[in-house]
Amino acid sequence: MILKLIQYISRSQSGKSLIVWNESEFARDVLPKCLRIKDMPCFTFQLEYFGFKKVESSEQWDYASDCLVRGKPELLTLESIMAKRWQEVDSVLERYKKRLFDIKNRIWPDRTFCSVNIF
């Protein structure tokens, strides 16, 4: 099965991204059989959810991730990917918390006015 996949998808020369060589054939022959995904947008969504980013400079369908490094398969574990994902979520939550705090301070500059602590 792996030999058959090589005709559809491979690593880039740098080893830090995945390249799909023929999107329509990959979507038709590989996605439903191997990954139970129905089309390329769903596959793209899954990749982006797990931290892969589109390589804009590439002419091919090319997605890269910090977890995809040739010779370091331990980086591409679900645990490591999800840990990185949660770090990103925590970062976003901290930004929103700071924005809410700033809004609260603008609305209620005198903190004694509002006795409810939202944090």
Protein backbone atom coordinates (compact mmCIF):
# COMPACT_ATOMS: atom_id res chain seq x y z
CA MET A 1 0.00 0.00 0.00
CA ILE A 2 2.84 2.45 0.81
CA LEU A 3 4.34 2.03 -2.64
CA LYS A 4 1.00 2.94 -4.18
CA LEU A 5 0.74 6.07 -2.01
CA ILE A 6 4.05 7.41 -3.30
CA GLN A 7 2.44 8.17 -6.64
CA TYR A 8 -0.07 10.44 -4.87
CA ILE A 9 1.71 12.01 -1.91
CA SER A 10 5.28 12.45 -0.70
CA ARG A 11 7.47 14.61 1.48
CA SER A 12 9.03 17.70 0.03
CA GLN A 13 12.75 17.74 -0.66
CA SER A 14 13.33 19.55 2.66
CA GLY A 15 11.34 16.86 4.47
CA LYS A 16 9.22 19.44 6.29
CA SER A 17 6.05 19.31 4.22
CA LEU A 18 3.68 16.98 2.39
CA ILE A 19 3.04 17.36 -1.32
CA VAL A 20 -0.01 15.91 -3.05
CA TRP A 21 0.91 15.45 -6.70
CA ASN A 22 -2.54 14.95 -8.20
CA GLU A 23 -5.35 16.26 -6.01
CA SER A 24 -8.26 14.72 -7.90
CA GLU A 25 -6.73 11.23 -8.01
CA PHE A 26 -5.64 11.48 -4.36
CA ALA A 27 -9.17 12.52 -3.34
CA ARG A 28 -10.73 9.75 -5.39
CA ASP A 29 -8.35 6.86 -4.70
CA VAL A 30 -6.77 7.50 -1.30
CA LEU A 31 -8.92 9.67 0.95
CA PRO A 32 -12.06 7.53 1.11
CA LYS A 33 -10.16 4.23 1.36
CA CYS A 34 -7.32 5.10 3.74
CA LEU A 35 -8.54 8.05 5.75
CA ARG A 36 -12.34 7.85 5.48
CA ILE A 37 -12.41 11.45 4.34
CA LYS A 38 -14.70 12.37 1.46
CA ASP A 39 -12.86 15.24 -0.25
CA MET A 40 -9.83 17.54 -0.28
CA PRO A 41 -11.43 20.40 1.71
CA CYS A 42 -12.11 17.96 4.57
CA PHE A 43 -8.52 16.68 4.36
CA THR A 44 -7.21 20.25 4.33
CA PHE A 45 -9.34 21.07 7.38
CA GLN A 46 -7.89 18.07 9.23
CA LEU A 47 -4.33 19.09 8.37
CA GLU A 48 -4.92 22.67 9.48
CA TYR A 49 -6.58 21.48 12.69
CA PHE A 50 -3.41 19.55 13.53
CA GLY A 51 -1.17 22.55 12.86
CA PHE A 52 -0.17 22.10 9.21
CA LYS A 53 0.07 25.31 7.17
CA LYS A 54 -0.20 25.84 3.42
CA VAL A 55 3.16 26.53 1.80
CA GLU A 56 2.26 29.64 -0.18
CA SER A 57 5.44 29.68 -2.25
CA SER A 58 4.77 26.20 -3.65
CA GLU A 59 3.05 25.59 -6.98
CA GLN A 60 1.91 22.18 -5.72
CA TRP A 61 -0.63 21.29 -3.06
CA ASP A 62 1.93 21.57 -0.23
CA TYR A 63 1.37 21.65 3.58
CA ALA A 64 4.11 21.97 6.21
CA SER A 65 4.32 21.39 9.96
CA ASP A 66 6.97 21.84 12.62
CA CYS A 67 6.13 18.28 13.70
CA LEU A 68 7.01 16.84 10.29
CA VAL A 69 10.79 16.50 10.26
CA ARG A 70 12.63 13.85 8.30
CA GLY A 71 14.41 11.46 10.64
CA LYS A 72 12.40 12.54 13.72
CA PRO A 73 9.20 10.47 13.75
CA GLU A 74 8.78 11.09 17.49
CA LEU A 75 7.70 14.66 16.67
CA LEU A 76 4.75 13.44 14.64
CA THR A 77 2.88 11.74 17.47
CA LEU A 78 -0.68 12.66 18.29
CA GLU A 79 0.41 13.69 21.78
CA SER A 80 3.05 16.12 20.52
CA ILE A 81 0.71 17.59 17.91
CA MET A 82 -2.11 18.04 20.41
CA ALA A 83 0.25 19.55 23.00
CA LYS A 84 1.32 22.14 20.43
CA ARG A 85 -2.32 22.71 19.51
CA TRP A 86 -3.24 23.35 23.17
CA GLN A 87 -0.37 25.81 23.52
CA GLU A 88 -1.85 27.75 20.60
CA VAL A 89 -5.32 27.64 22.19
CA ASP A 90 -3.89 28.85 25.52
CA SER A 91 -2.15 31.71 23.73
CA VAL A 92 -5.40 32.78 22.06
CA LEU A 93 -7.28 32.55 25.36
CA GLU A 94 -4.66 34.72 27.08
CA ARG A 95 -5.02 37.37 24.36
CA TYR A 96 -8.82 37.39 24.75
CA LYS A 97 -8.52 37.52 28.52
CA LYS A 98 -6.24 40.57 28.21
CA ARG A 99 -8.67 42.23 25.79
CA LEU A 100 -11.59 41.59 28.16
CA PHE A 101 -9.60 43.03 31.04
CA ASP A 102 -8.80 46.15 28.96
CA ILE A 103 -12.48 46.55 28.04
CA LYS A 104 -13.50 46.10 31.67
CA ASN A 105 -11.02 48.81 32.70
CA ARG A 106 -12.35 51.19 30.06
CA ILE A 107 -15.96 50.60 31.06
CA TRP A 108 -15.32 50.56 34.82
CA PRO A 109 -12.11 52.50 35.43
CA ASP A 110 -12.96 52.78 39.11
CA ARG A 111 -13.01 49.13 40.17
CA THR A 112 -15.07 49.89 43.24
CA PHE A 113 -18.03 50.62 40.94
CA CYS A 114 -18.24 47.00 39.86
CA SER A 115 -18.15 44.52 42.71
CA VAL A 116 -18.24 41.48 40.45
CA ASN A 117 -14.83 40.07 39.53
CA ILE A 118 -15.07 38.40 36.12
CA PHE A 119 -11.58 36.91 36.46
